């Protein structure tokens, strides 16, 4: 089964997670404000991560839905960012 991490579970990210949940994928959700990811995860039966790196380390594919360029730089490139946690061969 493919595992997809969704980083950013605001309006667009949660809609993407809901669409993915209808398929045969496992979801790992992360959001800068953790409560939002927890709410969506409960709704979908998904799991959450405490950092972007943790989400990426559990996923075959990462999708991000982030607010702006500063958020993208932080979430992808920060010390606990998606790149830091990415598994070899993941997308």
PDB file of N, CA and C in Angstrom:
ATOM      1  N   UNK A   1       0.848  -1.177   0.000  1.00  0.00           N
ATOM      2  CA  UNK A   1       0.000   0.000   0.000  1.00  0.00           C
ATOM      3  C   UNK A   1       0.893   1.240   0.000  1.00  0.00           C
ATOM      4  N   UNK A   2       0.539   2.196  -0.790  1.00  0.00           N
ATOM      5  CA  UNK A   2       1.244   3.470  -0.869  1.00  0.00           C
ATOM      6  C   UNK A   2       0.923   4.316   0.361  1.00  0.00           C
ATOM      7  N   UNK A   3       1.947   4.916   0.945  1.00  0.00           N
ATOM      8  CA  UNK A   3       1.737   5.836   2.059  1.00  0.00           C
ATOM      9  C   UNK A   3       2.020   7.242   1.578  1.00  0.00           C
ATOM     10  N   UNK A   4       1.055   8.133   1.789  1.00  0.00           N
ATOM     11  CA  UNK A   4       1.155   9.519   1.360  1.00  0.00           C
ATOM     12  C   UNK A   4       1.142  10.423   2.583  1.00  0.00           C
ATOM     13  N   UNK A   5       2.120  11.315   2.658  1.00  0.00           N
ATOM     14  CA  UNK A   5       2.127  12.339   3.697  1.00  0.00           C
ATOM     15  C   UNK A   5       1.534  13.613   3.108  1.00  0.00           C
ATOM     16  N   UNK A   6       0.658  14.233   3.847  1.00  0.00           N
ATOM     17  CA  UNK A   6       0.105  15.526   3.469  1.00  0.00           C
ATOM     18  C   UNK A   6       0.588  16.529   4.506  1.00  0.00           C
ATOM     19  N   UNK A   7       1.402  17.474   4.053  1.00  0.00           N
ATOM     20  CA  UNK A   7       1.931  18.520   4.928  1.00  0.00           C
ATOM     21  C   UNK A   7       1.134  19.783   4.667  1.00  0.00           C
ATOM     22  N   UNK A   8       0.337  20.153   5.637  1.00  0.00           N
ATOM     23  CA  UNK A   8      -0.565  21.290   5.494  1.00  0.00           C
ATOM     24  C   UNK A   8      -1.983  20.786   5.348  1.00  0.00           C
ATOM     25  N   UNK A   9      -2.742  20.831   6.426  1.00  0.00           N
ATOM     26  CA  UNK A   9      -4.109  20.296   6.396  1.00  0.00           C
ATOM     27  C   UNK A   9      -5.139  21.391   6.613  1.00  0.00           C
ATOM     28  N   UNK A  10      -4.888  22.536   6.002  1.00  0.00           N
ATOM     29  CA  UNK A  10      -5.875  23.603   5.992  1.00  0.00           C
ATOM     30  C   UNK A  10      -6.982  23.257   5.008  1.00  0.00           C
ATOM     31  N   UNK A  11      -7.615  24.244   4.466  1.00  0.00           N
ATOM     32  CA  UNK A  11      -8.753  24.017   3.563  1.00  0.00           C
ATOM     33  C   UNK A  11      -8.381  23.135   2.377  1.00  0.00           C
ATOM     34  N   UNK A  12      -7.305  23.474   1.680  1.00  0.00           N
ATOM     35  CA  UNK A  12      -6.922  22.694   0.497  1.00  0.00           C
ATOM     36  C   UNK A  12      -6.292  21.355   0.857  1.00  0.00           C
ATOM     37  N   UNK A  13      -5.407  21.354   1.842  1.00  0.00           N
ATOM     38  CA  UNK A  13      -4.740  20.113   2.219  1.00  0.00           C
ATOM     39  C   UNK A  13      -5.695  19.081   2.789  1.00  0.00           C
ATOM     40  N   UNK A  14      -6.656  19.520   3.584  1.00  0.00           N
ATOM     41  CA  UNK A  14      -7.621  18.561   4.135  1.00  0.00           C
ATOM     42  C   UNK A  14      -8.525  18.020   3.028  1.00  0.00           C
ATOM     43  N   UNK A  15      -8.858  18.842   2.048  1.00  0.00           N
ATOM     44  CA  UNK A  15      -9.651  18.352   0.913  1.00  0.00           C
ATOM     45  C   UNK A  15      -8.860  17.313   0.122  1.00  0.00           C
ATOM     46  N   UNK A  16      -7.567  17.561  -0.066  1.00  0.00           N
ATOM     47  CA  UNK A  16      -6.710  16.602  -0.755  1.00  0.00           C
ATOM     48  C   UNK A  16      -6.632  15.299   0.049  1.00  0.00           C
ATOM     49  N   UNK A  17      -6.471  15.402   1.358  1.00  0.00           N
ATOM     50  CA  UNK A  17      -6.408  14.211   2.210  1.00  0.00           C
ATOM     51  C   UNK A  17      -7.717  13.425   2.128  1.00  0.00           C
ATOM     52  N   UNK A  18      -8.837  14.116   2.129  1.00  0.00           N
ATOM     53  CA  UNK A  18     -10.135  13.423   2.033  1.00  0.00           C
ATOM     54  C   UNK A  18     -10.252  12.676   0.707  1.00  0.00           C
ATOM     55  N   UNK A  19      -9.811  13.293  -0.371  1.00  0.00           N
ATOM     56  CA  UNK A  19      -9.861  12.633  -1.682  1.00  0.00           C
ATOM     57  C   UNK A  19      -8.943  11.405  -1.699  1.00  0.00           C
ATOM     58  N   UNK A  20      -7.753  11.547  -1.151  1.00  0.00           N
ATOM     59  CA  UNK A  20      -6.824  10.422  -1.105  1.00  0.00           C
ATOM     60  C   UNK A  20      -7.363   9.291  -0.232  1.00  0.00           C
ATOM     61  N   UNK A  21      -8.057   9.630   0.846  1.00  0.00           N
ATOM     62  CA  UNK A  21      -8.595   8.619   1.760  1.00  0.00           C
ATOM     63  C   UNK A  21      -9.622   7.720   1.077  1.00  0.00           C
ATOM     64  N   UNK A  22     -10.199   8.179  -0.005  1.00  0.00           N
ATOM     65  CA  UNK A  22     -11.152   7.353  -0.754  1.00  0.00           C
ATOM     66  C   UNK A  22     -10.453   6.287  -1.587  1.00  0.00           C
ATOM     67  N   UNK A  23      -9.133   6.424  -1.752  1.00  0.00           N
ATOM     68  CA  UNK A  23      -8.351   5.441  -2.500  1.00  0.00           C
ATOM     69  C   UNK A  23      -7.677   4.453  -1.568  1.00  0.00           C
ATOM     70  N   UNK A  24      -6.861   3.631  -2.149  1.00  0.00           N
ATOM     71  CA  UNK A  24      -6.163   2.598  -1.374  1.00  0.00           C
ATOM     72  C   UNK A  24      -4.790   3.126  -0.957  1.00  0.00           C
ATOM     73  N   UNK A  25      -4.779   4.133  -0.076  1.00  0.00           N
ATOM     74  CA  UNK A  25      -3.535   4.715   0.424  1.00  0.00           C
ATOM     75  C   UNK A  25      -3.621   4.866   1.941  1.00  0.00           C
ATOM     76  N   UNK A  26      -2.465   4.821   2.558  1.00  0.00           N
ATOM     77  CA  UNK A  26      -2.364   5.152   3.981  1.00  0.00           C
ATOM     78  C   UNK A  26      -1.929   6.607   4.063  1.00  0.00           C
ATOM     79  N   UNK A  27      -2.466   7.347   5.002  1.00  0.00           N
ATOM     80  CA  UNK A  27      -2.166   8.773   5.125  1.00  0.00           C
ATOM     81  C   UNK A  27      -1.421   9.078   6.411  1.00  0.00           C
ATOM     82  N   UNK A  28      -0.456   9.986   6.291  1.00  0.00           N
ATOM     83  CA  UNK A  28       0.226  10.582   7.434  1.00  0.00           C
ATOM     84  C   UNK A  28       0.050  12.085   7.278  1.00  0.00           C
ATOM     85  N   UNK A  29      -0.525  12.731   8.282  1.00  0.00           N
ATOM     86  CA  UNK A  29      -0.851  14.152   8.188  1.00  0.00           C
ATOM     87  C   UNK A  29       0.001  14.970   9.147  1.00  0.00           C
ATOM     88  N   UNK A  30       0.371  16.163   8.698  1.00  0.00           N
ATOM     89  CA  UNK A  30       1.099  17.105   9.539  1.00  0.00           C
ATOM     90  C   UNK A  30       0.606  18.501   9.203  1.00  0.00           C
ATOM     91  N   UNK A  31       0.531  19.338  10.223  1.00  0.00           N
ATOM     92  CA  UNK A  31       0.163  20.735  10.035  1.00  0.00           C
ATOM     93  C   UNK A  31       0.947  21.577  11.035  1.00  0.00           C
ATOM     94  N   UNK A  32       1.255  22.808  10.649  1.00  0.00           N
ATOM     95  CA  UNK A  32       2.015  23.678  11.557  1.00  0.00           C
ATOM     96  C   UNK A  32       1.277  23.886  12.873  1.00  0.00           C
ATOM     97  N   UNK A  33      -0.034  23.965  12.840  1.00  0.00           N
ATOM     98  CA  UNK A  33      -0.811  23.966  14.082  1.00  0.00           C
ATOM     99  C   UNK A  33      -1.377  22.552  14.225  1.00  0.00           C
ATOM    100  N   UNK A  34      -0.806  21.779  15.117  1.00  0.00           N
ATOM    101  CA  UNK A  34      -1.068  20.342  15.223  1.00  0.00           C
ATOM    102  C   UNK A  34      -2.511  19.946  15.386  1.00  0.00           C
ATOM    103  N   UNK A  35      -3.299  20.751  16.059  1.00  0.00           N
ATOM    104  CA  UNK A  35      -4.688  20.397  16.283  1.00  0.00           C
ATOM    105  C   UNK A  35      -5.458  20.163  15.002  1.00  0.00           C
ATOM    106  N   UNK A  36      -5.153  20.920  13.979  1.00  0.00           N
ATOM    107  CA  UNK A  36      -5.842  20.772  12.695  1.00  0.00           C
ATOM    108  C   UNK A  36      -5.570  19.397  12.091  1.00  0.00           C
ATOM    109  N   UNK A  37      -4.323  18.962  12.095  1.00  0.00           N
ATOM    110  CA  UNK A  37      -3.985  17.641  11.557  1.00  0.00           C
ATOM    111  C   UNK A  37      -4.655  16.546  12.379  1.00  0.00           C
ATOM    112  N   UNK A  38      -4.695  16.716  13.696  1.00  0.00           N
ATOM    113  CA  UNK A  38      -5.335  15.728  14.562  1.00  0.00           C
ATOM    114  C   UNK A  38      -6.816  15.583  14.229  1.00  0.00           C
ATOM    115  N   UNK A  39      -7.489  16.707  14.009  1.00  0.00           N
ATOM    116  CA  UNK A  39      -8.921  16.675  13.679  1.00  0.00           C
ATOM    117  C   UNK A  39      -9.174  15.937  12.376  1.00  0.00           C
ATOM    118  N   UNK A  40      -8.405  16.255  11.361  1.00  0.00           N
ATOM    119  CA  UNK A  40      -8.577  15.614  10.051  1.00  0.00           C
ATOM    120  C   UNK A  40      -8.220  14.132  10.146  1.00  0.00           C
ATOM    121  N   UNK A  41      -7.158  13.804  10.870  1.00  0.00           N
ATOM    122  CA  UNK A  41      -6.745  12.407  11.019  1.00  0.00           C
ATOM    123  C   UNK A  41      -7.836  11.581  11.692  1.00  0.00           C
ATOM    124  N   UNK A  42      -8.449  12.127  12.732  1.00  0.00           N
ATOM    125  CA  UNK A  42      -9.554  11.404  13.399  1.00  0.00           C
ATOM    126  C   UNK A  42     -10.695  11.154  12.425  1.00  0.00           C
ATOM    127  N   UNK A  43     -11.022  12.156  11.664  1.00  0.00           N
ATOM    128  CA  UNK A  43     -12.108  12.029  10.679  1.00  0.00           C
ATOM    129  C   UNK A  43     -11.810  10.931   9.656  1.00  0.00           C
ATOM    130  N   UNK A  44     -10.551  10.833   9.231  1.00  0.00           N
ATOM    131  CA  UNK A  44     -10.197   9.934   8.138  1.00  0.00           C
ATOM    132  C   UNK A  44      -9.585   8.613   8.588  1.00  0.00           C
ATOM    133  N   UNK A  45      -9.342   8.466   9.870  1.00  0.00           N
ATOM    134  CA  UNK A  45      -8.665   7.262  10.336  1.00  0.00           C
ATOM    135  C   UNK A  45      -7.203   7.236   9.919  1.00  0.00           C
ATOM    136  N   UNK A  46      -6.600   8.406   9.830  1.00  0.00           N
ATOM    137  CA  UNK A  46      -5.195   8.526   9.433  1.00  0.00           C
ATOM    138  C   UNK A  46      -4.333   8.729  10.666  1.00  0.00           C
ATOM    139  N   UNK A  47      -3.037   8.718  10.476  1.00  0.00           N
ATOM    140  CA  UNK A  47      -2.138   9.019  11.581  1.00  0.00           C
ATOM    141  C   UNK A  47      -1.526  10.395  11.384  1.00  0.00           C
ATOM    142  N   UNK A  48      -0.962  10.943  12.436  1.00  0.00           N
ATOM    143  CA  UNK A  48      -0.330  12.250  12.361  1.00  0.00           C
ATOM    144  C   UNK A  48       1.160  12.130  12.670  1.00  0.00           C
ATOM    145  N   UNK A  49       1.880  13.166  12.286  1.00  0.00           N
ATOM    146  CA  UNK A  49       3.303  13.270  12.583  1.00  0.00           C
ATOM    147  C   UNK A  49       3.517  14.550  13.376  1.00  0.00           C
ATOM    148  N   UNK A  50       4.566  14.570  14.193  1.00  0.00           N
ATOM    149  CA  UNK A  50       4.850  15.754  14.995  1.00  0.00           C
ATOM    150  C   UNK A  50       5.759  16.744  14.283  1.00  0.00           C
ATOM    151  N   UNK A  51       6.471  16.288  13.246  1.00  0.00           N
ATOM    152  CA  UNK A  51       7.323  17.185  12.447  1.00  0.00           C
ATOM    153  C   UNK A  51       7.172  16.818  10.978  1.00  0.00           C
ATOM    154  N   UNK A  52       7.516  17.745  10.085  1.00  0.00           N
ATOM    155  CA  UNK A  52       7.505  17.390   8.671  1.00  0.00           C
ATOM    156  C   UNK A  52       8.457  16.234   8.366  1.00  0.00           C
ATOM    157  N   UNK A  53       9.631  16.209   9.025  1.00  0.00           N
ATOM    158  CA  UNK A  53      10.587  15.120   8.796  1.00  0.00           C
ATOM    159  C   UNK A  53       9.989  13.774   9.159  1.00  0.00           C
ATOM    160  N   UNK A  54       9.260  13.724  10.264  1.00  0.00           N
ATOM    161  CA  UNK A  54       8.609  12.471  10.663  1.00  0.00           C
ATOM    162  C   UNK A  54       7.585  12.041   9.623  1.00  0.00           C
ATOM    163  N   UNK A  55       6.814  12.991   9.109  1.00  0.00           N
ATOM    164  CA  UNK A  55       5.824  12.670   8.077  1.00  0.00           C
ATOM    165  C   UNK A  55       6.510  12.113   6.833  1.00  0.00           C
ATOM    166  N   UNK A  56       7.576  12.774   6.386  1.00  0.00           N
ATOM    167  CA  UNK A  56       8.284  12.342   5.182  1.00  0.00           C
ATOM    168  C   UNK A  56       8.933  10.978   5.369  1.00  0.00           C
ATOM    169  N   UNK A  57       9.437  10.718   6.565  1.00  0.00           N
ATOM    170  CA  UNK A  57      10.129   9.439   6.802  1.00  0.00           C
ATOM    171  C   UNK A  57       9.172   8.253   6.754  1.00  0.00           C
ATOM    172  N   UNK A  58       7.889   8.513   6.904  1.00  0.00           N
ATOM    173  CA  UNK A  58       6.892   7.444   6.893  1.00  0.00           C
ATOM    174  C   UNK A  58       6.206   7.291   5.534  1.00  0.00           C
ATOM    175  N   UNK A  59       6.582   8.126   4.560  1.00  0.00           N
ATOM    176  CA  UNK A  59       5.801   8.207   3.318  1.00  0.00           C
ATOM    177  C   UNK A  59       6.597   7.818   2.077  1.00  0.00           C
ATOM    178  N   UNK A  60       5.859   7.309   1.101  1.00  0.00           N
ATOM    179  CA  UNK A  60       6.410   7.059  -0.224  1.00  0.00           C
ATOM    180  C   UNK A  60       6.302   8.317  -1.088  1.00  0.00           C
ATOM    181  N   UNK A  61       5.314   9.141  -0.780  1.00  0.00           N
ATOM    182  CA  UNK A  61       5.002  10.342  -1.545  1.00  0.00           C
ATOM    183  C   UNK A  61       4.594  11.431  -0.572  1.00  0.00           C
ATOM    184  N   UNK A  62       5.068  12.647  -0.812  1.00  0.00           N
ATOM    185  CA  UNK A  62       4.712  13.784   0.042  1.00  0.00           C
ATOM    186  C   UNK A  62       4.008  14.829  -0.809  1.00  0.00           C
ATOM    187  N   UNK A  63       2.900  15.334  -0.296  1.00  0.00           N
ATOM    188  CA  UNK A  63       2.170  16.439  -0.915  1.00  0.00           C
ATOM    189  C   UNK A  63       2.126  17.561   0.106  1.00  0.00           C
ATOM    190  N   UNK A  64       2.427  18.767  -0.348  1.00  0.00           N
ATOM    191  CA  UNK A  64       2.333  19.896   0.579  1.00  0.00           C
ATOM    192  C   UNK A  64       1.348  20.925   0.055  1.00  0.00           C
ATOM    193  N   UNK A  65       0.586  21.466   0.985  1.00  0.00           N
ATOM    194  CA  UNK A  65      -0.353  22.555   0.722  1.00  0.00           C
ATOM    195  C   UNK A  65      -0.075  23.600   1.790  1.00  0.00           C
ATOM    196  N   UNK A  66       0.775  24.558   1.450  1.00  0.00           N
ATOM    197  CA  UNK A  66       1.263  25.518   2.436  1.00  0.00           C
ATOM    198  C   UNK A  66       0.883  26.932   2.044  1.00  0.00           C
ATOM    199  N   UNK A  67       0.881  27.822   3.022  1.00  0.00           N
ATOM    200  CA  UNK A  67       0.316  29.165   2.863  1.00  0.00           C
ATOM    201  C   UNK A  67       1.125  30.092   1.961  1.00  0.00           C
ATOM    202  N   UNK A  68       2.448  30.047   2.053  1.00  0.00           N
ATOM    203  CA  UNK A  68       3.256  31.023   1.321  1.00  0.00           C
ATOM    204  C   UNK A  68       4.691  30.537   1.198  1.00  0.00           C
ATOM    205  N   UNK A  69       5.511  31.337   0.545  1.00  0.00           N
ATOM    206  CA  UNK A  69       6.894  30.961   0.308  1.00  0.00           C
ATOM    207  C   UNK A  69       7.686  30.725   1.574  1.00  0.00           C
ATOM    208  N   UNK A  70       7.462  31.550   2.595  1.00  0.00           N
ATOM    209  CA  UNK A  70       8.169  31.355   3.864  1.00  0.00           C
ATOM    210  C   UNK A  70       7.830  30.000   4.471  1.00  0.00           C
ATOM    211  N   UNK A  71       6.561  29.627   4.430  1.00  0.00           N
ATOM    212  CA  UNK A  71       6.144  28.334   4.966  1.00  0.00           C
ATOM    213  C   UNK A  71       6.770  27.200   4.163  1.00  0.00           C
ATOM    214  N   UNK A  72       6.812  27.345   2.849  1.00  0.00           N
ATOM    215  CA  UNK A  72       7.412  26.309   1.998  1.00  0.00           C
ATOM    216  C   UNK A  72       8.886  26.120   2.352  1.00  0.00           C
ATOM    217  N   UNK A  73       9.618  27.209   2.462  1.00  0.00           N
ATOM    218  CA  UNK A  73      11.042  27.112   2.799  1.00  0.00           C
ATOM    219  C   UNK A  73      11.249  26.444   4.156  1.00  0.00           C
ATOM    220  N   UNK A  74      10.453  26.820   5.131  1.00  0.00           N
ATOM    221  CA  UNK A  74      10.588  26.252   6.475  1.00  0.00           C
ATOM    222  C   UNK A  74      10.228  24.770   6.504  1.00  0.00           C
ATOM    223  N   UNK A  75       9.093  24.432   5.926  1.00  0.00           N
ATOM    224  CA  UNK A  75       8.579  23.063   6.007  1.00  0.00           C
ATOM    225  C   UNK A  75       9.407  22.101   5.154  1.00  0.00           C
ATOM    226  N   UNK A  76       9.862  22.535   4.010  1.00  0.00           N
ATOM    227  CA  UNK A  76      10.671  21.657   3.162  1.00  0.00           C
ATOM    228  C   UNK A  76      12.134  21.653   3.577  1.00  0.00           C
ATOM    229  N   UNK A  77      12.686  22.834   3.906  1.00  0.00           N
ATOM    230  CA  UNK A  77      14.122  22.925   4.096  1.00  0.00           C
ATOM    231  C   UNK A  77      14.618  23.066   5.508  1.00  0.00           C
ATOM    232  N   UNK A  78      13.735  23.192   6.484  1.00  0.00           N
ATOM    233  CA  UNK A  78      14.153  23.362   7.871  1.00  0.00           C
ATOM    234  C   UNK A  78      14.843  22.131   8.416  1.00  0.00           C
ATOM    235  N   UNK A  79      15.450  22.255   9.587  1.00  0.00           N
ATOM    236  CA  UNK A  79      16.182  21.124  10.170  1.00  0.00           C
ATOM    237  C   UNK A  79      15.301  19.897  10.432  1.00  0.00           C
ATOM    238  N   UNK A  80      14.030  20.099  10.678  1.00  0.00           N
ATOM    239  CA  UNK A  80      13.069  18.997  10.829  1.00  0.00           C
ATOM    240  C   UNK A  80      12.112  18.967   9.647  1.00  0.00           C
ATOM    241  N   UNK A  81      12.603  19.429   8.489  1.00  0.00           N
ATOM    242  CA  UNK A  81      11.760  19.568   7.308  1.00  0.00           C
ATOM    243  C   UNK A  81      11.572  18.276   6.526  1.00  0.00           C
ATOM    244  N   UNK A  82      10.758  18.389   5.506  1.00  0.00           N
ATOM    245  CA  UNK A  82      10.428  17.237   4.666  1.00  0.00           C
ATOM    246  C   UNK A  82      11.661  16.636   4.013  1.00  0.00           C
ATOM    247  N   UNK A  83      12.562  17.475   3.524  1.00  0.00           N
ATOM    248  CA  UNK A  83      13.768  16.960   2.870  1.00  0.00           C
ATOM    249  C   UNK A  83      14.630  16.186   3.867  1.00  0.00           C
ATOM    250  N   UNK A  84      14.742  16.703   5.082  1.00  0.00           N
ATOM    251  CA  UNK A  84      15.557  16.041   6.107  1.00  0.00           C
ATOM    252  C   UNK A  84      15.039  14.644   6.425  1.00  0.00           C
ATOM    253  N   UNK A  85      13.747  14.434   6.326  1.00  0.00           N
ATOM    254  CA  UNK A  85      13.165  13.146   6.681  1.00  0.00           C
ATOM    255  C   UNK A  85      12.877  12.239   5.508  1.00  0.00           C
ATOM    256  N   UNK A  86      13.063  12.722   4.281  1.00  0.00           N
ATOM    257  CA  UNK A  86      12.694  11.946   3.103  1.00  0.00           C
ATOM    258  C   UNK A  86      13.462  10.641   3.007  1.00  0.00           C
ATOM    259  N   UNK A  87      12.747   9.593   2.709  1.00  0.00           N
ATOM    260  CA  UNK A  87      13.364   8.283   2.505  1.00  0.00           C
ATOM    261  C   UNK A  87      13.959   8.194   1.102  1.00  0.00           C
ATOM    262  N   UNK A  88      15.038   7.470   0.909  1.00  0.00           N
ATOM    263  CA  UNK A  88      15.554   7.254  -0.438  1.00  0.00           C
ATOM    264  C   UNK A  88      14.470   6.637  -1.325  1.00  0.00           C
ATOM    265  N   UNK A  89      14.306   7.170  -2.502  1.00  0.00           N
ATOM    266  CA  UNK A  89      13.318   6.655  -3.431  1.00  0.00           C
ATOM    267  C   UNK A  89      11.929   7.241  -3.285  1.00  0.00           C
ATOM    268  N   UNK A  90      11.721   8.068  -2.280  1.00  0.00           N
ATOM    269  CA  UNK A  90      10.401   8.693  -2.128  1.00  0.00           C
ATOM    270  C   UNK A  90      10.287   9.895  -3.061  1.00  0.00           C
ATOM    271  N   UNK A  91       9.071  10.338  -3.244  1.00  0.00           N
ATOM    272  CA  UNK A  91       8.810  11.479  -4.136  1.00  0.00           C
ATOM    273  C   UNK A  91       8.241  12.596  -3.319  1.00  0.00           C
TER     274      UNK A  91
END
